[in-house]
Amino acid sequence: MAADRDAWNPPMIGRKVVQAAPVARGRAIIATALALPAFAVTVTLAEHWLDALVVSVFTAILWSGGMTVMLRIIHNIEPSPVPVEQNELPPIAATWKATAFAAALLTVLDAGALAFSLAVQPQTYIVVGIILGAPGVIWSSFLRIERTQRQYQGTLWCSTGFAWTSKGRSPYIVRS
């Protein structure tokens, strides 16, 4: 039976895994903690604060809604989680390491987007809107992970790093 499972979804050699829910929750909290001050700084320092407010919020709503729909479509074509035992998982990474990498990446991207938006006013408040909409997309991803865990009655594990192919996104489920 294990050989059949490996034929459909070969193990990711060299890729570590982390529990998906804590990492997604951490990323969502970090994205929210970075987006709100970036939005506040933009509105405060903008030449036309009302334009910044309206454009950023409108963009955040459209972008997060569109990305949530697109990610649901992508999720429907991804393979279902591979059921494994705890001892069959690839090497396990620390949750804080995966969250710290996401925090550093989000901090750099948000700072760059904020600087760009303030430097090239007023047409680029869209960039801050995308930053403001990112926590909604990440929270939606967290809720999808929670639903998947309830559906499969287990803990969802995902690989660390960026997945370039659908096989790189293959999650594992450890049934409880």
N, C-alpha and C. Protein backbone atom coordinates (compact mmCIF):
# COMPACT_ATOMS: atom_id res chain seq x y z
N MET A 1 0.82 -1.19 0.00
CA MET A 1 0.00 0.00 0.00
C MET A 1 0.86 1.25 0.00
N ALA A 2 1.94 1.25 0.76
CA ALA A 2 2.83 2.41 0.79
C ALA A 2 3.48 2.62 -0.57
N ALA A 3 3.76 1.53 -1.29
CA ALA A 3 4.36 1.66 -2.62
C ALA A 3 3.39 2.32 -3.59
N ASP A 4 2.08 2.00 -3.49
CA ASP A 4 1.09 2.63 -4.36
C ASP A 4 1.00 4.13 -4.08
N ARG A 5 1.04 4.48 -2.82
CA ARG A 5 0.95 5.89 -2.44
C ARG A 5 2.18 6.64 -2.97
N ASP A 6 3.37 6.03 -2.87
CA ASP A 6 4.59 6.68 -3.33
C ASP A 6 4.61 6.84 -4.84
N ALA A 7 3.94 5.93 -5.56
CA ALA A 7 3.90 6.03 -7.02
C ALA A 7 3.08 7.25 -7.44
N TRP A 8 2.03 7.56 -6.70
CA TRP A 8 1.20 8.72 -7.04
C TRP A 8 1.81 10.02 -6.56
N ASN A 9 2.46 9.98 -5.44
CA ASN A 9 2.99 11.20 -4.86
C ASN A 9 4.34 10.89 -4.22
N PRO A 10 5.42 10.98 -4.98
CA PRO A 10 6.72 10.64 -4.42
C PRO A 10 7.10 11.59 -3.30
N PRO A 11 7.85 11.11 -2.31
CA PRO A 11 8.24 11.99 -1.21
C PRO A 11 9.16 13.10 -1.72
N MET A 12 9.08 14.24 -1.06
CA MET A 12 9.89 15.38 -1.44
C MET A 12 11.22 15.28 -0.72
N ILE A 13 12.21 14.79 -1.41
CA ILE A 13 13.52 14.60 -0.80
C ILE A 13 14.15 15.97 -0.59
N GLY A 14 14.65 16.18 0.61
CA GLY A 14 15.33 17.43 0.92
C GLY A 14 14.41 18.55 1.36
N ARG A 15 13.10 18.38 1.30
CA ARG A 15 12.16 19.41 1.73
C ARG A 15 11.61 19.05 3.09
N LYS A 16 11.66 19.99 3.98
CA LYS A 16 11.12 19.77 5.32
C LYS A 16 9.65 20.15 5.33
N VAL A 17 8.93 19.67 6.33
CA VAL A 17 7.51 19.96 6.47
C VAL A 17 7.25 20.64 7.81
N VAL A 18 6.15 21.39 7.86
CA VAL A 18 5.68 22.03 9.09
C VAL A 18 4.17 21.85 9.15
N GLN A 19 3.62 21.99 10.35
CA GLN A 19 2.17 21.96 10.47
C GLN A 19 1.61 23.18 9.76
N ALA A 20 0.64 22.97 8.91
CA ALA A 20 0.14 24.05 8.06
C ALA A 20 -0.63 25.11 8.84
N ALA A 21 -1.46 24.72 9.78
CA ALA A 21 -2.32 25.69 10.47
C ALA A 21 -1.54 26.71 11.30
N PRO A 22 -0.59 26.30 12.15
CA PRO A 22 0.14 27.31 12.92
C PRO A 22 0.94 28.27 12.04
N VAL A 23 1.52 27.76 10.97
CA VAL A 23 2.29 28.62 10.07
C VAL A 23 1.36 29.61 9.36
N ALA A 24 0.22 29.14 8.88
CA ALA A 24 -0.72 30.03 8.20
C ALA A 24 -1.27 31.08 9.17
N ARG A 25 -1.56 30.68 10.40
CA ARG A 25 -2.04 31.64 11.40
C ARG A 25 -0.97 32.69 11.69
N GLY A 26 0.27 32.26 11.85
CA GLY A 26 1.38 33.19 12.09
C GLY A 26 1.57 34.16 10.94
N ARG A 27 1.49 33.64 9.72
CA ARG A 27 1.63 34.52 8.54
C ARG A 27 0.49 35.53 8.47
N ALA A 28 -0.70 35.09 8.81
CA ALA A 28 -1.85 36.00 8.76
C ALA A 28 -1.73 37.10 9.81
N ILE A 29 -1.29 36.75 10.99
CA ILE A 29 -1.10 37.74 12.04
C ILE A 29 -0.01 38.74 11.64
N ILE A 30 1.07 38.23 11.11
CA ILE A 30 2.17 39.10 10.68
C ILE A 30 1.72 40.02 9.54
N ALA A 31 1.01 39.46 8.57
CA ALA A 31 0.53 40.28 7.45
C ALA A 31 -0.40 41.38 7.94
N THR A 32 -1.26 41.05 8.89
CA THR A 32 -2.17 42.06 9.44
C THR A 32 -1.39 43.12 10.22
N ALA A 33 -0.44 42.68 11.02
CA ALA A 33 0.36 43.61 11.82
C ALA A 33 1.21 44.54 10.94
N LEU A 34 1.57 44.11 9.76
CA LEU A 34 2.34 44.96 8.85
C LEU A 34 1.44 45.82 7.96
N ALA A 35 0.29 45.30 7.57
CA ALA A 35 -0.57 46.01 6.62
C ALA A 35 -1.24 47.22 7.25
N LEU A 36 -1.72 47.08 8.46
CA LEU A 36 -2.44 48.20 9.08
C LEU A 36 -1.55 49.43 9.31
N PRO A 37 -0.34 49.28 9.85
CA PRO A 37 0.52 50.46 9.96
C PRO A 37 0.94 51.03 8.60
N ALA A 38 1.17 50.17 7.62
CA ALA A 38 1.52 50.66 6.28
C ALA A 38 0.39 51.48 5.71
N PHE A 39 -0.83 51.01 5.89
CA PHE A 39 -2.00 51.75 5.42
C PHE A 39 -2.12 53.08 6.16
N ALA A 40 -1.93 53.05 7.48
CA ALA A 40 -2.02 54.28 8.27
C ALA A 40 -0.96 55.29 7.87
N VAL A 41 0.26 54.83 7.65
CA VAL A 41 1.34 55.73 7.22
C VAL A 41 1.02 56.32 5.85
N THR A 42 0.51 55.51 4.95
CA THR A 42 0.18 56.00 3.61
C THR A 42 -0.89 57.07 3.67
N VAL A 43 -1.96 56.80 4.41
CA VAL A 43 -3.04 57.79 4.50
C VAL A 43 -2.55 59.07 5.18
N THR A 44 -1.72 58.91 6.18
CA THR A 44 -1.21 60.08 6.91
C THR A 44 -0.27 60.93 6.05
N LEU A 45 0.62 60.29 5.31
CA LEU A 45 1.63 61.02 4.55
C LEU A 45 1.22 61.33 3.11
N ALA A 46 0.08 60.88 2.69
CA ALA A 46 -0.35 61.09 1.31
C ALA A 46 -0.70 62.56 1.07
N GLU A 47 -0.44 63.00 -0.15
CA GLU A 47 -0.81 64.36 -0.53
C GLU A 47 -2.32 64.54 -0.46
N HIS A 48 -3.04 63.56 -0.95
CA HIS A 48 -4.50 63.56 -0.95
C HIS A 48 -4.96 62.36 -0.14
N TRP A 49 -5.16 62.55 1.16
CA TRP A 49 -5.44 61.43 2.04
C TRP A 49 -6.75 60.73 1.71
N LEU A 50 -7.73 61.46 1.21
CA LEU A 50 -9.00 60.82 0.87
C LEU A 50 -8.84 59.90 -0.34
N ASP A 51 -8.06 60.35 -1.33
CA ASP A 51 -7.78 59.48 -2.48
C ASP A 51 -7.05 58.22 -2.04
N ALA A 52 -6.07 58.39 -1.17
CA ALA A 52 -5.32 57.23 -0.68
C ALA A 52 -6.23 56.26 0.05
N LEU A 53 -7.12 56.78 0.86
CA LEU A 53 -8.04 55.95 1.62
C LEU A 53 -8.98 55.18 0.69
N VAL A 54 -9.62 55.88 -0.22
CA VAL A 54 -10.61 55.24 -1.11
C VAL A 54 -9.95 54.24 -2.05
N VAL A 55 -8.88 54.64 -2.69
CA VAL A 55 -8.22 53.75 -3.66
C VAL A 55 -7.65 52.51 -2.96
N SER A 56 -7.01 52.70 -1.82
CA SER A 56 -6.41 51.57 -1.11
C SER A 56 -7.47 50.57 -0.63
N VAL A 57 -8.53 51.07 -0.03
CA VAL A 57 -9.58 50.17 0.48
C VAL A 57 -10.29 49.47 -0.67
N PHE A 58 -10.61 50.21 -1.72
CA PHE A 58 -11.28 49.60 -2.87
C PHE A 58 -10.40 48.52 -3.51
N THR A 59 -9.12 48.82 -3.66
CA THR A 59 -8.18 47.84 -4.22
C THR A 59 -8.06 46.62 -3.30
N ALA A 60 -8.01 46.86 -2.00
CA ALA A 60 -7.89 45.74 -1.05
C ALA A 60 -9.09 44.80 -1.17
N ILE A 61 -10.27 45.36 -1.27
CA ILE A 61 -11.48 44.54 -1.39
C ILE A 61 -11.47 43.74 -2.69
N LEU A 62 -11.18 44.41 -3.80
CA LEU A 62 -11.16 43.72 -5.10
C LEU A 62 -10.05 42.68 -5.17
N TRP A 63 -8.85 43.05 -4.72
CA TRP A 63 -7.72 42.14 -4.84
C TRP A 63 -7.89 40.92 -3.94
N SER A 64 -8.29 41.13 -2.69
CA SER A 64 -8.44 39.98 -1.79
C SER A 64 -9.58 39.07 -2.24
N GLY A 65 -10.66 39.66 -2.72
CA GLY A 65 -11.76 38.84 -3.24
C GLY A 65 -11.36 38.04 -4.46
N GLY A 66 -10.67 38.69 -5.39
CA GLY A 66 -10.22 37.99 -6.61
C GLY A 66 -9.21 36.91 -6.31
N MET A 67 -8.27 37.20 -5.42
CA MET A 67 -7.26 36.19 -5.08
C MET A 67 -7.87 35.01 -4.33
N THR A 68 -8.84 35.29 -3.47
CA THR A 68 -9.49 34.21 -2.73
C THR A 68 -10.22 33.28 -3.70
N VAL A 69 -10.92 33.85 -4.67
CA VAL A 69 -11.62 33.04 -5.67
C VAL A 69 -10.62 32.24 -6.50
N MET A 70 -9.53 32.90 -6.93
CA MET A 70 -8.53 32.21 -7.74
C MET A 70 -7.87 31.08 -6.96
N LEU A 71 -7.56 31.31 -5.69
CA LEU A 71 -6.94 30.26 -4.89
C LEU A 71 -7.89 29.09 -4.64
N ARG A 72 -9.19 29.36 -4.54
CA ARG A 72 -10.15 28.25 -4.41
C ARG A 72 -10.17 27.41 -5.68
N ILE A 73 -10.09 28.05 -6.84
CA ILE A 73 -10.06 27.31 -8.10
C ILE A 73 -8.80 26.47 -8.18
N ILE A 74 -7.66 27.05 -7.80
CA ILE A 74 -6.41 26.30 -7.81
C ILE A 74 -6.46 25.16 -6.81
N HIS A 75 -7.04 25.40 -5.65
CA HIS A 75 -7.14 24.36 -4.63
C HIS A 75 -7.97 23.17 -5.13
N ASN A 76 -8.97 23.44 -5.95
CA ASN A 76 -9.81 22.36 -6.46
C ASN A 76 -9.07 21.45 -7.42
N ILE A 77 -8.00 21.92 -8.07
CA ILE A 77 -7.27 21.07 -9.01
C ILE A 77 -6.02 20.47 -8.39
N GLU A 78 -5.68 20.86 -7.16
CA GLU A 78 -4.53 20.28 -6.47
C GLU A 78 -4.89 18.90 -5.95
N PRO A 79 -3.88 18.04 -5.82
CA PRO A 79 -4.16 16.71 -5.28
C PRO A 79 -4.57 16.80 -3.81
N SER A 80 -5.36 15.82 -3.37
CA SER A 80 -5.76 15.79 -1.97
C SER A 80 -4.56 15.42 -1.11
N PRO A 81 -4.63 15.71 0.18
CA PRO A 81 -3.49 15.41 1.06
C PRO A 81 -3.19 13.92 1.10
N VAL A 82 -1.91 13.62 1.20
CA VAL A 82 -1.46 12.24 1.27
C VAL A 82 -1.57 11.77 2.71
N PRO A 83 -2.38 10.74 2.99
CA PRO A 83 -2.46 10.25 4.37
C PRO A 83 -1.19 9.49 4.75
N VAL A 84 -0.55 9.91 5.82
CA VAL A 84 0.67 9.26 6.31
C VAL A 84 0.60 9.13 7.82
N GLU A 85 1.45 8.30 8.34
CA GLU A 85 1.63 8.20 9.79
C GLU A 85 2.66 9.25 10.20
N GLN A 86 2.68 9.57 11.46
CA GLN A 86 3.60 10.59 11.97
C GLN A 86 5.06 10.23 11.65
N ASN A 87 5.40 8.95 11.73
CA ASN A 87 6.78 8.53 11.49
C ASN A 87 7.13 8.47 10.00
N GLU A 88 6.16 8.61 9.09
CA GLU A 88 6.42 8.60 7.65
C GLU A 88 6.64 10.00 7.07
N LEU A 89 6.45 11.03 7.88
CA LEU A 89 6.61 12.40 7.40
C LEU A 89 8.07 12.66 7.03
N PRO A 90 8.30 13.53 6.04
CA PRO A 90 9.67 13.99 5.77
C PRO A 90 10.19 14.73 7.01
N PRO A 91 11.44 15.14 7.00
CA PRO A 91 11.98 15.85 8.17
C PRO A 91 11.11 17.05 8.55
N ILE A 92 10.94 17.26 9.83
CA ILE A 92 10.06 18.32 10.33
C ILE A 92 10.90 19.56 10.66
N ALA A 93 10.44 20.71 10.16
CA ALA A 93 11.11 21.98 10.45
C ALA A 93 10.41 22.67 11.61
N ALA A 94 11.10 23.57 12.24
CA ALA A 94 10.52 24.34 13.33
C ALA A 94 9.51 25.34 12.76
N THR A 95 8.37 25.47 13.41
CA THR A 95 7.33 26.39 12.96
C THR A 95 7.84 27.83 12.96
N TRP A 96 8.63 28.18 13.95
CA TRP A 96 9.11 29.56 14.03
C TRP A 96 10.02 29.91 12.87
N LYS A 97 10.75 28.92 12.33
CA LYS A 97 11.63 29.22 11.20
C LYS A 97 10.81 29.55 9.95
N ALA A 98 9.76 28.78 9.71
CA ALA A 98 8.90 29.05 8.54
C ALA A 98 8.18 30.37 8.71
N THR A 99 7.75 30.68 9.92
CA THR A 99 7.06 31.93 10.18
C THR A 99 8.02 33.11 10.11
N ALA A 100 9.24 32.94 10.61
CA ALA A 100 10.23 34.02 10.57
C ALA A 100 10.60 34.37 9.13
N PHE A 101 10.73 33.37 8.28
CA PHE A 101 11.03 33.63 6.87
C PHE A 101 9.89 34.42 6.23
N ALA A 102 8.65 34.04 6.51
CA ALA A 102 7.50 34.76 5.98
C ALA A 102 7.46 36.19 6.51
N ALA A 103 7.80 36.36 7.78
CA ALA A 103 7.80 37.71 8.37
C ALA A 103 8.85 38.59 7.71
N ALA A 104 10.02 38.05 7.50
CA ALA A 104 11.08 38.83 6.86
C ALA A 104 10.70 39.20 5.42
N LEU A 105 10.16 38.23 4.70
CA LEU A 105 9.76 38.48 3.32
C LEU A 105 8.63 39.51 3.25
N LEU A 106 7.63 39.38 4.09
CA LEU A 106 6.52 40.34 4.11
C LEU A 106 6.98 41.73 4.52
N THR A 107 7.90 41.80 5.47
CA THR A 107 8.42 43.10 5.91
C THR A 107 9.14 43.81 4.77
N VAL A 108 9.97 43.10 4.06
CA VAL A 108 10.71 43.70 2.94
C VAL A 108 9.74 44.12 1.83
N LEU A 109 8.80 43.25 1.48
CA LEU A 109 7.84 43.59 0.42
C LEU A 109 6.96 44.77 0.81
N ASP A 110 6.47 44.77 2.04
CA ASP A 110 5.61 45.87 2.49
C ASP A 110 6.37 47.19 2.55
N ALA A 111 7.60 47.16 3.05
CA ALA A 111 8.40 48.39 3.11
C ALA A 111 8.69 48.93 1.71
N GLY A 112 9.02 48.04 0.80
CA GLY A 112 9.26 48.46 -0.58
C GLY A 112 8.01 49.03 -1.24
N ALA A 113 6.90 48.37 -1.01
CA ALA A 113 5.64 48.84 -1.60
C ALA A 113 5.22 50.17 -1.00
N LEU A 114 5.42 50.34 0.29
CA LEU A 114 5.08 51.59 0.96
C LEU A 114 5.96 52.74 0.44
N ALA A 115 7.25 52.49 0.34
CA ALA A 115 8.16 53.52 -0.17
C ALA A 115 7.81 53.88 -1.62
N PHE A 116 7.53 52.88 -2.42
CA PHE A 116 7.15 53.14 -3.82
C PHE A 116 5.86 53.94 -3.90
N SER A 117 4.90 53.55 -3.10
CA SER A 117 3.61 54.21 -3.13
C SER A 117 3.70 55.66 -2.71
N LEU A 118 4.49 55.96 -1.70
CA LEU A 118 4.63 57.33 -1.24
C LEU A 118 5.50 58.17 -2.18
N ALA A 119 6.43 57.53 -2.87
CA ALA A 119 7.31 58.27 -3.77
C ALA A 119 6.63 58.64 -5.08
N VAL A 120 5.71 57.82 -5.54
CA VAL A 120 5.09 58.02 -6.85
C VAL A 120 3.61 58.34 -6.69
N GLN A 121 3.28 59.16 -5.73
CA GLN A 121 1.89 59.50 -5.48
C GLN A 121 1.28 60.17 -6.69
N PRO A 122 0.01 60.23 -6.90
CA PRO A 122 -1.07 59.58 -6.18
C PRO A 122 -1.58 58.32 -6.87
N GLN A 123 -1.00 57.95 -7.98
CA GLN A 123 -1.55 56.84 -8.75
C GLN A 123 -1.23 55.46 -8.17
N THR A 124 -0.33 55.37 -7.24
CA THR A 124 0.13 54.06 -6.79
C THR A 124 -0.43 53.62 -5.45
N TYR A 125 -1.54 54.19 -5.04
CA TYR A 125 -2.16 53.72 -3.80
C TYR A 125 -2.70 52.31 -3.98
N ILE A 126 -2.73 51.85 -5.20
CA ILE A 126 -3.15 50.48 -5.49
C ILE A 126 -2.20 49.49 -4.82
N VAL A 127 -0.93 49.81 -4.80
CA VAL A 127 0.07 48.93 -4.18
C VAL A 127 -0.23 48.77 -2.69
N VAL A 128 -0.57 49.85 -2.01
CA VAL A 128 -0.91 49.77 -0.60
C VAL A 128 -2.23 49.00 -0.42
N GLY A 129 -3.13 49.10 -1.37
CA GLY A 129 -4.36 48.32 -1.33
C GLY A 129 -4.09 46.83 -1.39
N ILE A 130 -3.11 46.46 -2.18
CA ILE A 130 -2.73 45.04 -2.25
C ILE A 130 -2.14 44.59 -0.92
N ILE A 131 -1.31 45.43 -0.31
CA ILE A 131 -0.77 45.11 1.02
C ILE A 131 -1.91 44.97 2.02
N LEU A 132 -2.87 45.88 1.95
CA LEU A 132 -4.00 45.86 2.87
C LEU A 132 -4.91 44.65 2.64
N GLY A 133 -4.97 44.14 1.42
CA GLY A 133 -5.80 42.98 1.12
C GLY A 133 -5.13 41.65 1.39
N ALA A 134 -3.81 41.65 1.52
CA ALA A 134 -3.07 40.40 1.73
C ALA A 134 -3.49 39.64 2.99
N PRO A 135 -3.71 40.30 4.13
CA PRO A 135 -4.15 39.52 5.30
C PRO A 135 -5.46 38.78 5.07
N GLY A 136 -6.37 39.35 4.30
CA GLY A 136 -7.63 38.65 4.01
C GLY A 136 -7.40 37.37 3.23
N VAL A 137 -6.49 37.43 2.28
CA VAL A 137 -6.17 36.24 1.48
C VAL A 137 -5.51 35.18 2.36
N ILE A 138 -4.60 35.60 3.23
CA ILE A 138 -3.90 34.65 4.09
C ILE A 138 -4.85 34.07 5.13
N TRP A 139 -5.74 34.89 5.70
CA TRP A 139 -6.73 34.36 6.64
C TRP A 139 -7.66 33.37 5.95
N SER A 140 -8.01 33.63 4.69
CA SER A 140 -8.83 32.69 3.93
C SER A 140 -8.11 31.36 3.75
N SER A 141 -6.81 31.43 3.49
CA SER A 141 -6.01 30.22 3.37
C SER A 141 -5.99 29.44 4.69
N PHE A 142 -5.87 30.17 5.80
CA PHE A 142 -5.89 29.53 7.12
C PHE A 142 -7.22 28.81 7.35
N LEU A 143 -8.33 29.46 6.98
CA LEU A 143 -9.64 28.83 7.15
C LEU A 143 -9.79 27.59 6.26
N ARG A 144 -9.21 27.63 5.06
CA ARG A 144 -9.23 26.46 4.18
C ARG A 144 -8.46 25.31 4.80
N ILE A 145 -7.33 25.60 5.43
CA ILE A 145 -6.54 24.57 6.10
C ILE A 145 -7.34 23.97 7.25
N GLU A 146 -8.00 24.81 8.01
CA GLU A 146 -8.83 24.32 9.12
C GLU A 146 -9.96 23.41 8.61
N ARG A 147 -10.60 23.80 7.50
CA ARG A 147 -11.66 22.96 6.92
C ARG A 147 -11.11 21.62 6.45
N THR A 148 -9.94 21.65 5.83
CA THR A 148 -9.32 20.41 5.36
C THR A 148 -9.00 19.49 6.53
N GLN A 149 -8.49 20.05 7.61
CA GLN A 149 -8.19 19.23 8.79
C GLN A 149 -9.44 18.61 9.39
N ARG A 150 -10.53 19.37 9.41
CA ARG A 150 -11.79 18.81 9.91
C ARG A 150 -12.31 17.72 8.97
N GLN A 151 -12.20 17.97 7.67
CA GLN A 151 -12.70 17.01 6.69
C GLN A 151 -11.96 15.68 6.78
N TYR A 152 -10.64 15.73 6.90
CA TYR A 152 -9.83 14.52 6.95
C TYR A 152 -9.58 14.03 8.38
N GLN A 153 -10.05 14.78 9.36
CA GLN A 153 -9.90 14.42 10.77
C GLN A 153 -8.45 14.14 11.13
N GLY A 154 -7.61 15.13 10.84
CA GLY A 154 -6.19 14.98 11.14
C GLY A 154 -5.49 16.32 11.10
N THR A 155 -4.16 16.26 11.14
CA THR A 155 -3.33 17.45 11.11
C THR A 155 -2.68 17.57 9.74
N LEU A 156 -2.83 18.73 9.13
CA LEU A 156 -2.27 18.97 7.80
C LEU A 156 -0.84 19.46 7.93
N TRP A 157 0.05 18.87 7.17
CA TRP A 157 1.46 19.26 7.12
C TRP A 157 1.76 19.70 5.70
N CYS A 158 2.55 20.75 5.55
CA CYS A 158 2.93 21.22 4.21
C CYS A 158 4.44 21.40 4.15
N SER A 159 4.96 21.43 2.94
CA SER A 159 6.39 21.59 2.77
C SER A 159 6.78 23.04 2.98
N THR A 160 8.01 23.24 3.40
CA THR A 160 8.52 24.59 3.58
C THR A 160 9.05 25.10 2.24
N GLY A 161 9.26 26.38 2.17
CA GLY A 161 9.79 26.95 0.94
C GLY A 161 8.69 27.20 -0.07
N PHE A 162 9.10 27.66 -1.24
CA PHE A 162 8.15 27.99 -2.30
C PHE A 162 7.96 26.79 -3.21
N ALA A 163 6.73 26.47 -3.54
CA ALA A 163 6.41 25.33 -4.39
C ALA A 163 6.33 25.80 -5.85
N TRP A 164 7.22 25.30 -6.66
CA TRP A 164 7.23 25.70 -8.08
C TRP A 164 6.28 24.85 -8.91
N THR A 165 5.98 23.64 -8.46
CA THR A 165 5.08 22.77 -9.20
C THR A 165 3.99 22.27 -8.26
N SER A 166 2.99 21.60 -8.82
CA SER A 166 1.91 21.07 -7.99
C SER A 166 2.42 19.97 -7.06
N LYS A 167 3.44 19.23 -7.46
CA LYS A 167 3.99 18.20 -6.58
C LYS A 167 4.69 18.82 -5.38
N GLY A 168 5.21 20.02 -5.53
CA GLY A 168 5.84 20.71 -4.42
C GLY A 168 4.84 21.22 -3.42
N ARG A 169 3.56 21.28 -3.80
CA ARG A 169 2.52 21.74 -2.89
C ARG A 169 1.78 20.58 -2.23
N SER A 170 2.17 19.37 -2.48
CA SER A 170 1.44 18.23 -1.94
C SER A 170 1.49 18.22 -0.43
N PRO A 171 0.33 18.37 0.20
CA PRO A 171 0.30 18.33 1.66
C PRO A 171 0.17 16.90 2.17
N TYR A 172 0.50 16.74 3.43
CA TYR A 172 0.37 15.45 4.10
C TYR A 172 -0.67 15.61 5.20
N ILE A 173 -1.42 14.56 5.44
CA ILE A 173 -2.39 14.56 6.53
C ILE A 173 -2.05 13.42 7.48
N VAL A 174 -1.90 13.76 8.75
CA VAL A 174 -1.66 12.75 9.78
C VAL A 174 -2.94 12.64 10.57
N ARG A 175 -3.59 11.51 10.42
CA ARG A 175 -4.90 11.33 11.08
C ARG A 175 -4.73 11.16 12.56
N SER A 176 -5.63 11.79 13.29
CA SER A 176 -5.54 11.72 14.75
C SER A 176 -6.47 10.63 15.28
